[in-house]
N, C-alpha and C. Protein backbone atom coordinates (compact mmCIF):
# COMPACT_ATOMS: atom_id res chain seq x y z
N MET A 1 52.01 -81.49 -92.73
CA MET A 1 51.06 -82.55 -92.50
C MET A 1 51.82 -83.82 -92.11
N ASP A 2 51.34 -84.53 -91.10
CA ASP A 2 51.96 -85.79 -90.72
C ASP A 2 51.14 -86.95 -91.28
N VAL A 3 51.63 -88.16 -91.09
CA VAL A 3 51.00 -89.35 -91.64
C VAL A 3 49.58 -89.53 -91.11
N GLU A 4 49.38 -89.33 -89.81
CA GLU A 4 48.05 -89.51 -89.22
C GLU A 4 47.02 -88.56 -89.84
N GLU A 5 47.41 -87.31 -90.06
CA GLU A 5 46.50 -86.34 -90.67
C GLU A 5 46.20 -86.73 -92.12
N LEU A 6 47.22 -87.16 -92.86
CA LEU A 6 47.01 -87.60 -94.23
C LEU A 6 46.01 -88.74 -94.28
N LEU A 7 46.19 -89.74 -93.44
CA LEU A 7 45.28 -90.89 -93.42
C LEU A 7 43.87 -90.48 -93.03
N ARG A 8 43.75 -89.62 -92.03
CA ARG A 8 42.42 -89.16 -91.61
C ARG A 8 41.71 -88.43 -92.74
N ARG A 9 42.42 -87.52 -93.38
CA ARG A 9 41.82 -86.75 -94.48
C ARG A 9 41.48 -87.64 -95.67
N TYR A 10 42.33 -88.63 -95.95
CA TYR A 10 42.04 -89.56 -97.04
C TYR A 10 40.78 -90.36 -96.71
N GLN A 11 40.67 -90.85 -95.49
CA GLN A 11 39.50 -91.63 -95.08
C GLN A 11 38.22 -90.78 -95.11
N GLU A 12 38.36 -89.49 -94.94
CA GLU A 12 37.21 -88.58 -95.01
C GLU A 12 36.84 -88.23 -96.45
N GLY A 13 37.62 -88.75 -97.41
CA GLY A 13 37.29 -88.55 -98.82
C GLY A 13 38.16 -87.56 -99.57
N GLU A 14 39.06 -86.90 -98.86
CA GLU A 14 39.95 -85.96 -99.55
C GLU A 14 40.97 -86.74 -100.37
N ARG A 15 41.29 -86.23 -101.56
CA ARG A 15 42.26 -86.91 -102.42
C ARG A 15 43.37 -85.96 -102.89
N ASP A 16 43.27 -84.68 -102.62
CA ASP A 16 44.25 -83.71 -103.11
C ASP A 16 45.30 -83.44 -102.04
N PHE A 17 46.48 -84.03 -102.24
CA PHE A 17 47.59 -83.85 -101.33
C PHE A 17 48.81 -83.33 -102.09
N LYS A 18 48.53 -82.49 -103.07
CA LYS A 18 49.58 -81.92 -103.92
C LYS A 18 50.64 -81.24 -103.06
N GLY A 19 51.92 -81.59 -103.31
CA GLY A 19 53.03 -80.94 -102.63
C GLY A 19 53.26 -81.38 -101.20
N VAL A 20 52.59 -82.42 -100.74
CA VAL A 20 52.77 -82.89 -99.36
C VAL A 20 54.22 -83.30 -99.13
N ILE A 21 54.70 -83.08 -97.91
CA ILE A 21 56.08 -83.43 -97.55
C ILE A 21 56.02 -84.51 -96.47
N LEU A 22 56.47 -85.70 -96.84
CA LEU A 22 56.47 -86.85 -95.91
C LEU A 22 57.80 -87.59 -96.00
N ILE A 23 58.89 -86.87 -96.06
CA ILE A 23 60.21 -87.46 -96.24
C ILE A 23 60.52 -88.44 -95.11
N GLY A 24 60.94 -89.66 -95.49
CA GLY A 24 61.36 -90.67 -94.53
C GLY A 24 60.26 -91.34 -93.73
N CYS A 25 59.01 -91.13 -94.09
CA CYS A 25 57.90 -91.71 -93.33
C CYS A 25 57.68 -93.19 -93.65
N TYR A 26 57.04 -93.87 -92.74
CA TYR A 26 56.72 -95.28 -92.86
C TYR A 26 55.25 -95.39 -93.27
N LEU A 27 55.00 -95.77 -94.54
CA LEU A 27 53.64 -95.84 -95.07
C LEU A 27 53.37 -97.21 -95.69
N THR A 28 53.95 -98.24 -95.12
CA THR A 28 53.79 -99.57 -95.68
C THR A 28 52.32 -99.99 -95.69
N GLU A 29 51.90 -100.62 -96.78
CA GLU A 29 50.55 -101.13 -96.98
C GLU A 29 49.46 -100.06 -96.95
N ILE A 30 49.82 -98.81 -97.09
CA ILE A 30 48.86 -97.72 -97.08
C ILE A 30 48.00 -97.74 -98.35
N ASN A 31 46.77 -97.28 -98.25
CA ASN A 31 45.91 -97.16 -99.42
C ASN A 31 45.75 -95.68 -99.75
N LEU A 32 46.36 -95.27 -100.86
CA LEU A 32 46.22 -93.91 -101.36
C LEU A 32 45.82 -93.95 -102.83
N SER A 33 45.01 -94.94 -103.18
CA SER A 33 44.58 -95.06 -104.58
C SER A 33 43.82 -93.81 -104.98
N GLY A 34 44.12 -93.32 -106.16
CA GLY A 34 43.44 -92.15 -106.70
C GLY A 34 43.87 -90.82 -106.09
N ALA A 35 44.85 -90.83 -105.21
CA ALA A 35 45.29 -89.59 -104.56
C ALA A 35 46.11 -88.71 -105.51
N ASN A 36 45.99 -87.41 -105.34
CA ASN A 36 46.79 -86.45 -106.08
C ASN A 36 48.00 -86.12 -105.22
N LEU A 37 49.15 -86.66 -105.63
CA LEU A 37 50.41 -86.44 -104.92
C LEU A 37 51.42 -85.73 -105.83
N GLN A 38 50.91 -84.89 -106.71
CA GLN A 38 51.78 -84.15 -107.61
C GLN A 38 52.81 -83.36 -106.81
N ARG A 39 54.06 -83.43 -107.27
CA ARG A 39 55.17 -82.69 -106.67
C ARG A 39 55.34 -82.97 -105.16
N ALA A 40 54.87 -84.11 -104.70
CA ALA A 40 55.04 -84.49 -103.29
C ALA A 40 56.50 -84.84 -103.01
N SER A 41 56.94 -84.57 -101.80
CA SER A 41 58.28 -84.94 -101.35
C SER A 41 58.17 -86.23 -100.55
N LEU A 42 58.49 -87.34 -101.22
CA LEU A 42 58.35 -88.67 -100.62
C LEU A 42 59.68 -89.42 -100.63
N SER A 43 60.76 -88.69 -100.59
CA SER A 43 62.08 -89.32 -100.59
C SER A 43 62.27 -90.17 -99.34
N GLU A 44 62.87 -91.36 -99.54
CA GLU A 44 63.18 -92.30 -98.47
C GLU A 44 61.95 -92.77 -97.71
N VAL A 45 60.77 -92.67 -98.30
CA VAL A 45 59.53 -93.14 -97.69
C VAL A 45 59.39 -94.64 -97.93
N ASP A 46 58.88 -95.36 -96.94
CA ASP A 46 58.59 -96.79 -97.11
C ASP A 46 57.14 -96.93 -97.54
N LEU A 47 56.94 -97.18 -98.84
CA LEU A 47 55.62 -97.41 -99.41
C LEU A 47 55.49 -98.86 -99.88
N SER A 48 56.21 -99.76 -99.22
CA SER A 48 56.15 -101.16 -99.63
C SER A 48 54.72 -101.68 -99.49
N ARG A 49 54.29 -102.42 -100.51
CA ARG A 49 52.96 -103.02 -100.60
C ARG A 49 51.83 -101.99 -100.51
N ALA A 50 52.12 -100.74 -100.83
CA ALA A 50 51.10 -99.68 -100.82
C ALA A 50 50.17 -99.82 -102.03
N ASN A 51 48.94 -99.37 -101.88
CA ASN A 51 47.98 -99.31 -102.98
C ASN A 51 47.98 -97.87 -103.50
N LEU A 52 48.61 -97.69 -104.65
CA LEU A 52 48.69 -96.37 -105.28
C LEU A 52 48.07 -96.43 -106.68
N VAL A 53 47.07 -97.29 -106.84
CA VAL A 53 46.39 -97.44 -108.13
C VAL A 53 45.80 -96.10 -108.55
N GLY A 54 46.17 -95.67 -109.76
CA GLY A 54 45.62 -94.44 -110.31
C GLY A 54 46.08 -93.16 -109.61
N ALA A 55 47.07 -93.25 -108.74
CA ALA A 55 47.57 -92.06 -108.04
C ALA A 55 48.32 -91.15 -109.02
N ASP A 56 48.26 -89.86 -108.77
CA ASP A 56 48.99 -88.89 -109.59
C ASP A 56 50.24 -88.47 -108.83
N LEU A 57 51.38 -89.01 -109.26
CA LEU A 57 52.67 -88.72 -108.66
C LEU A 57 53.55 -87.91 -109.62
N THR A 58 52.91 -87.13 -110.48
CA THR A 58 53.64 -86.31 -111.44
C THR A 58 54.66 -85.43 -110.73
N GLU A 59 55.90 -85.52 -111.18
CA GLU A 59 57.01 -84.72 -110.65
C GLU A 59 57.24 -84.90 -109.15
N ALA A 60 56.79 -86.02 -108.58
CA ALA A 60 57.03 -86.30 -107.16
C ALA A 60 58.48 -86.72 -106.96
N SER A 61 59.01 -86.44 -105.79
CA SER A 61 60.35 -86.87 -105.43
C SER A 61 60.23 -88.16 -104.62
N LEU A 62 60.69 -89.25 -105.23
CA LEU A 62 60.66 -90.57 -104.60
C LEU A 62 62.08 -91.13 -104.52
N ILE A 63 63.03 -90.25 -104.29
CA ILE A 63 64.43 -90.65 -104.22
C ILE A 63 64.62 -91.65 -103.08
N ARG A 64 65.20 -92.81 -103.42
CA ARG A 64 65.47 -93.89 -102.47
C ARG A 64 64.22 -94.39 -101.75
N ALA A 65 63.05 -94.18 -102.31
CA ALA A 65 61.81 -94.69 -101.71
C ALA A 65 61.73 -96.20 -101.86
N ASN A 66 61.09 -96.85 -100.92
CA ASN A 66 60.88 -98.29 -100.98
C ASN A 66 59.45 -98.54 -101.45
N LEU A 67 59.32 -98.98 -102.70
CA LEU A 67 58.01 -99.28 -103.29
C LEU A 67 57.91 -100.77 -103.61
N THR A 68 58.62 -101.59 -102.85
CA THR A 68 58.62 -103.02 -103.05
C THR A 68 57.19 -103.57 -102.95
N GLY A 69 56.76 -104.27 -104.00
CA GLY A 69 55.44 -104.88 -104.00
C GLY A 69 54.27 -103.91 -104.08
N ALA A 70 54.55 -102.63 -104.31
CA ALA A 70 53.47 -101.63 -104.39
C ALA A 70 52.67 -101.81 -105.67
N ASN A 71 51.39 -101.44 -105.61
CA ASN A 71 50.53 -101.49 -106.79
C ASN A 71 50.37 -100.07 -107.31
N LEU A 72 51.01 -99.80 -108.45
CA LEU A 72 50.97 -98.48 -109.09
C LEU A 72 50.28 -98.58 -110.44
N THR A 73 49.36 -99.52 -110.57
CA THR A 73 48.63 -99.70 -111.83
C THR A 73 47.94 -98.39 -112.21
N GLY A 74 48.21 -97.94 -113.44
CA GLY A 74 47.58 -96.72 -113.94
C GLY A 74 48.03 -95.43 -113.27
N ALA A 75 49.07 -95.49 -112.45
CA ALA A 75 49.56 -94.29 -111.78
C ALA A 75 50.31 -93.40 -112.77
N ASN A 76 50.33 -92.10 -112.49
CA ASN A 76 51.07 -91.16 -113.32
C ASN A 76 52.33 -90.75 -112.56
N LEU A 77 53.47 -91.19 -113.08
CA LEU A 77 54.77 -90.87 -112.50
C LEU A 77 55.59 -90.04 -113.48
N SER A 78 54.93 -89.34 -114.36
CA SER A 78 55.63 -88.52 -115.36
C SER A 78 56.49 -87.48 -114.65
N GLY A 79 57.76 -87.44 -115.03
CA GLY A 79 58.68 -86.46 -114.45
C GLY A 79 59.06 -86.73 -113.01
N ALA A 80 58.64 -87.86 -112.45
CA ALA A 80 58.97 -88.19 -111.07
C ALA A 80 60.45 -88.56 -110.95
N ASN A 81 61.01 -88.32 -109.78
CA ASN A 81 62.40 -88.67 -109.52
C ASN A 81 62.42 -89.93 -108.66
N LEU A 82 62.78 -91.05 -109.28
CA LEU A 82 62.85 -92.35 -108.62
C LEU A 82 64.30 -92.81 -108.51
N PHE A 83 65.22 -91.88 -108.38
CA PHE A 83 66.64 -92.20 -108.27
C PHE A 83 66.85 -93.17 -107.10
N GLU A 84 67.47 -94.33 -107.39
CA GLU A 84 67.77 -95.36 -106.40
C GLU A 84 66.54 -95.89 -105.66
N ALA A 85 65.35 -95.72 -106.23
CA ALA A 85 64.14 -96.25 -105.61
C ALA A 85 64.10 -97.77 -105.78
N LYS A 86 63.46 -98.44 -104.85
CA LYS A 86 63.34 -99.89 -104.90
C LYS A 86 61.89 -100.23 -105.26
N LEU A 87 61.72 -100.82 -106.46
CA LEU A 87 60.39 -101.19 -106.95
C LEU A 87 60.32 -102.69 -107.23
N THR A 88 61.06 -103.47 -106.47
CA THR A 88 61.09 -104.91 -106.65
C THR A 88 59.69 -105.49 -106.52
N GLY A 89 59.26 -106.21 -107.56
CA GLY A 89 57.95 -106.85 -107.54
C GLY A 89 56.77 -105.90 -107.60
N ALA A 90 57.01 -104.64 -107.91
CA ALA A 90 55.92 -103.67 -107.99
C ALA A 90 55.13 -103.87 -109.28
N THR A 91 53.87 -103.47 -109.26
CA THR A 91 53.01 -103.53 -110.44
C THR A 91 52.81 -102.12 -110.95
N LEU A 92 53.28 -101.88 -112.19
CA LEU A 92 53.17 -100.56 -112.81
C LEU A 92 52.47 -100.69 -114.16
N ASP A 93 51.56 -101.63 -114.27
CA ASP A 93 50.85 -101.86 -115.52
C ASP A 93 50.06 -100.61 -115.91
N GLY A 94 50.29 -100.15 -117.14
CA GLY A 94 49.59 -98.97 -117.64
C GLY A 94 50.02 -97.66 -117.00
N ALA A 95 51.11 -97.67 -116.25
CA ALA A 95 51.59 -96.45 -115.59
C ALA A 95 52.28 -95.52 -116.59
N GLU A 96 52.23 -94.25 -116.31
CA GLU A 96 52.91 -93.22 -117.10
C GLU A 96 54.22 -92.89 -116.39
N LEU A 97 55.34 -93.15 -117.07
CA LEU A 97 56.66 -92.85 -116.53
C LEU A 97 57.44 -91.96 -117.49
N LYS A 98 56.71 -91.15 -118.25
CA LYS A 98 57.35 -90.27 -119.23
C LYS A 98 58.30 -89.31 -118.52
N MET A 99 59.53 -89.25 -119.05
CA MET A 99 60.56 -88.33 -118.55
C MET A 99 60.89 -88.53 -117.07
N ALA A 100 60.59 -89.71 -116.53
CA ALA A 100 60.90 -89.99 -115.13
C ALA A 100 62.39 -90.29 -114.98
N ASP A 101 62.95 -89.97 -113.83
CA ASP A 101 64.33 -90.29 -113.51
C ASP A 101 64.34 -91.64 -112.82
N LEU A 102 64.77 -92.66 -113.55
CA LEU A 102 64.81 -94.03 -113.04
C LEU A 102 66.24 -94.50 -112.85
N ILE A 103 67.17 -93.55 -112.74
CA ILE A 103 68.58 -93.88 -112.62
C ILE A 103 68.83 -94.69 -111.34
N ASP A 104 69.49 -95.84 -111.54
CA ASP A 104 69.86 -96.76 -110.45
C ASP A 104 68.65 -97.30 -109.67
N ALA A 105 67.44 -97.19 -110.22
CA ALA A 105 66.26 -97.76 -109.58
C ALA A 105 66.26 -99.27 -109.78
N ASP A 106 65.65 -100.00 -108.85
CA ASP A 106 65.58 -101.46 -108.90
C ASP A 106 64.16 -101.90 -109.23
N PHE A 107 63.96 -102.34 -110.47
CA PHE A 107 62.67 -102.82 -110.93
C PHE A 107 62.64 -104.36 -111.02
N THR A 108 63.52 -105.04 -110.32
CA THR A 108 63.60 -106.50 -110.41
C THR A 108 62.23 -107.13 -110.20
N ALA A 109 61.82 -107.97 -111.16
CA ALA A 109 60.56 -108.72 -111.13
C ALA A 109 59.32 -107.83 -111.09
N ALA A 110 59.44 -106.58 -111.51
CA ALA A 110 58.28 -105.68 -111.57
C ALA A 110 57.51 -105.91 -112.87
N SER A 111 56.27 -105.46 -112.90
CA SER A 111 55.47 -105.56 -114.11
C SER A 111 55.21 -104.16 -114.66
N LEU A 112 55.60 -103.96 -115.91
CA LEU A 112 55.44 -102.67 -116.59
C LEU A 112 54.59 -102.82 -117.85
N GLN A 113 53.72 -103.82 -117.88
CA GLN A 113 52.91 -104.05 -119.07
C GLN A 113 52.09 -102.82 -119.41
N GLY A 114 52.21 -102.38 -120.65
CA GLY A 114 51.45 -101.23 -121.11
C GLY A 114 51.91 -99.90 -120.53
N ALA A 115 53.02 -99.89 -119.80
CA ALA A 115 53.53 -98.65 -119.22
C ALA A 115 54.16 -97.79 -120.31
N ASN A 116 54.16 -96.48 -120.10
CA ASN A 116 54.76 -95.53 -121.04
C ASN A 116 56.07 -95.03 -120.43
N LEU A 117 57.19 -95.44 -121.03
CA LEU A 117 58.51 -95.06 -120.55
C LEU A 117 59.19 -94.05 -121.46
N TYR A 118 58.41 -93.35 -122.27
CA TYR A 118 58.98 -92.40 -123.23
C TYR A 118 59.87 -91.38 -122.52
N GLY A 119 61.12 -91.32 -122.94
CA GLY A 119 62.06 -90.32 -122.43
C GLY A 119 62.53 -90.56 -121.01
N ALA A 120 62.23 -91.72 -120.42
CA ALA A 120 62.67 -91.99 -119.05
C ALA A 120 64.19 -92.18 -119.02
N TYR A 121 64.82 -91.69 -117.98
CA TYR A 121 66.26 -91.83 -117.79
C TYR A 121 66.51 -93.13 -117.04
N MET A 122 67.16 -94.10 -117.72
CA MET A 122 67.27 -95.44 -117.17
C MET A 122 68.70 -95.93 -117.03
N ILE A 123 69.64 -95.05 -116.78
CA ILE A 123 71.03 -95.45 -116.61
C ILE A 123 71.17 -96.23 -115.29
N GLY A 124 71.70 -97.45 -115.39
CA GLY A 124 71.92 -98.27 -114.20
C GLY A 124 70.66 -98.89 -113.62
N THR A 125 69.54 -98.76 -114.29
CA THR A 125 68.28 -99.31 -113.79
C THR A 125 68.32 -100.83 -113.85
N LEU A 126 67.95 -101.49 -112.76
CA LEU A 126 67.92 -102.95 -112.71
C LEU A 126 66.58 -103.43 -113.24
N LEU A 127 66.64 -104.28 -114.28
CA LEU A 127 65.42 -104.75 -114.94
C LEU A 127 65.33 -106.28 -115.00
N GLN A 128 66.02 -106.98 -114.15
CA GLN A 128 66.03 -108.45 -114.17
C GLN A 128 64.64 -109.00 -113.90
N GLY A 129 64.13 -109.78 -114.83
CA GLY A 129 62.82 -110.42 -114.66
C GLY A 129 61.64 -109.50 -114.82
N VAL A 130 61.86 -108.30 -115.33
CA VAL A 130 60.78 -107.32 -115.51
C VAL A 130 59.90 -107.69 -116.69
N ILE A 131 58.60 -107.56 -116.51
CA ILE A 131 57.67 -107.69 -117.63
C ILE A 131 57.59 -106.31 -118.26
N MET A 132 58.11 -106.21 -119.48
CA MET A 132 58.23 -104.93 -120.17
C MET A 132 56.89 -104.47 -120.74
N PRO A 133 56.82 -103.20 -121.21
CA PRO A 133 55.56 -102.66 -121.73
C PRO A 133 54.92 -103.50 -122.84
N ASP A 134 55.76 -104.15 -123.64
CA ASP A 134 55.21 -104.95 -124.73
C ASP A 134 54.90 -106.39 -124.31
N GLY A 135 55.03 -106.71 -123.03
CA GLY A 135 54.71 -108.04 -122.52
C GLY A 135 55.88 -109.01 -122.47
N THR A 136 57.03 -108.61 -123.01
CA THR A 136 58.19 -109.49 -122.96
C THR A 136 58.83 -109.42 -121.58
N ILE A 137 59.56 -110.47 -121.23
CA ILE A 137 60.26 -110.50 -119.95
C ILE A 137 61.72 -110.20 -120.19
N HIS A 138 62.22 -109.19 -119.48
CA HIS A 138 63.64 -108.80 -119.59
C HIS A 138 64.47 -109.77 -118.79
N SER A 139 65.52 -110.29 -119.44
CA SER A 139 66.37 -111.25 -118.72
C SER A 139 67.73 -110.68 -118.41
C-alpha cells in the first residue's frame, strides 16, 4: 500500500491498517487519529505534526521516525520500537508506552502527562524540558 491509497481508504472511513509498510514515507501533518497501525513498519517516516490521537501503534516499528510536534494523545505505543526517533515537542498525554524501546529517542519539550512508561527501555533517551507522567518538568 502506498501513501495515496492509505489516505484514500482512511478518508473513506477505514481505520484498520495493521501491518502496513510505509518505510521512509513523508506523512507530515497527516490525520490518522484512531487508526489501527499495530505492527506497522514506519521506520524513518516523517510524521511531524501528524494527528495520531488514539492511534494503535502497538509493536510498530518507528525506528528513526520524525514525530516532531505530533499529537499522540491517548495513543497505544506498547512494545513499539522508537529507537532514535525524534519526538521533540510531541504530545503523548495519556499514551501507553509500556515495554516500548525508547533508546536514544529525543523527547525534548514533549508532554507525557498521564503516560504509562512501565518497563520502557530509556537508555540515552533525551528528556530535557519534558512534562513527565506525574506533571513534573524534567530538567
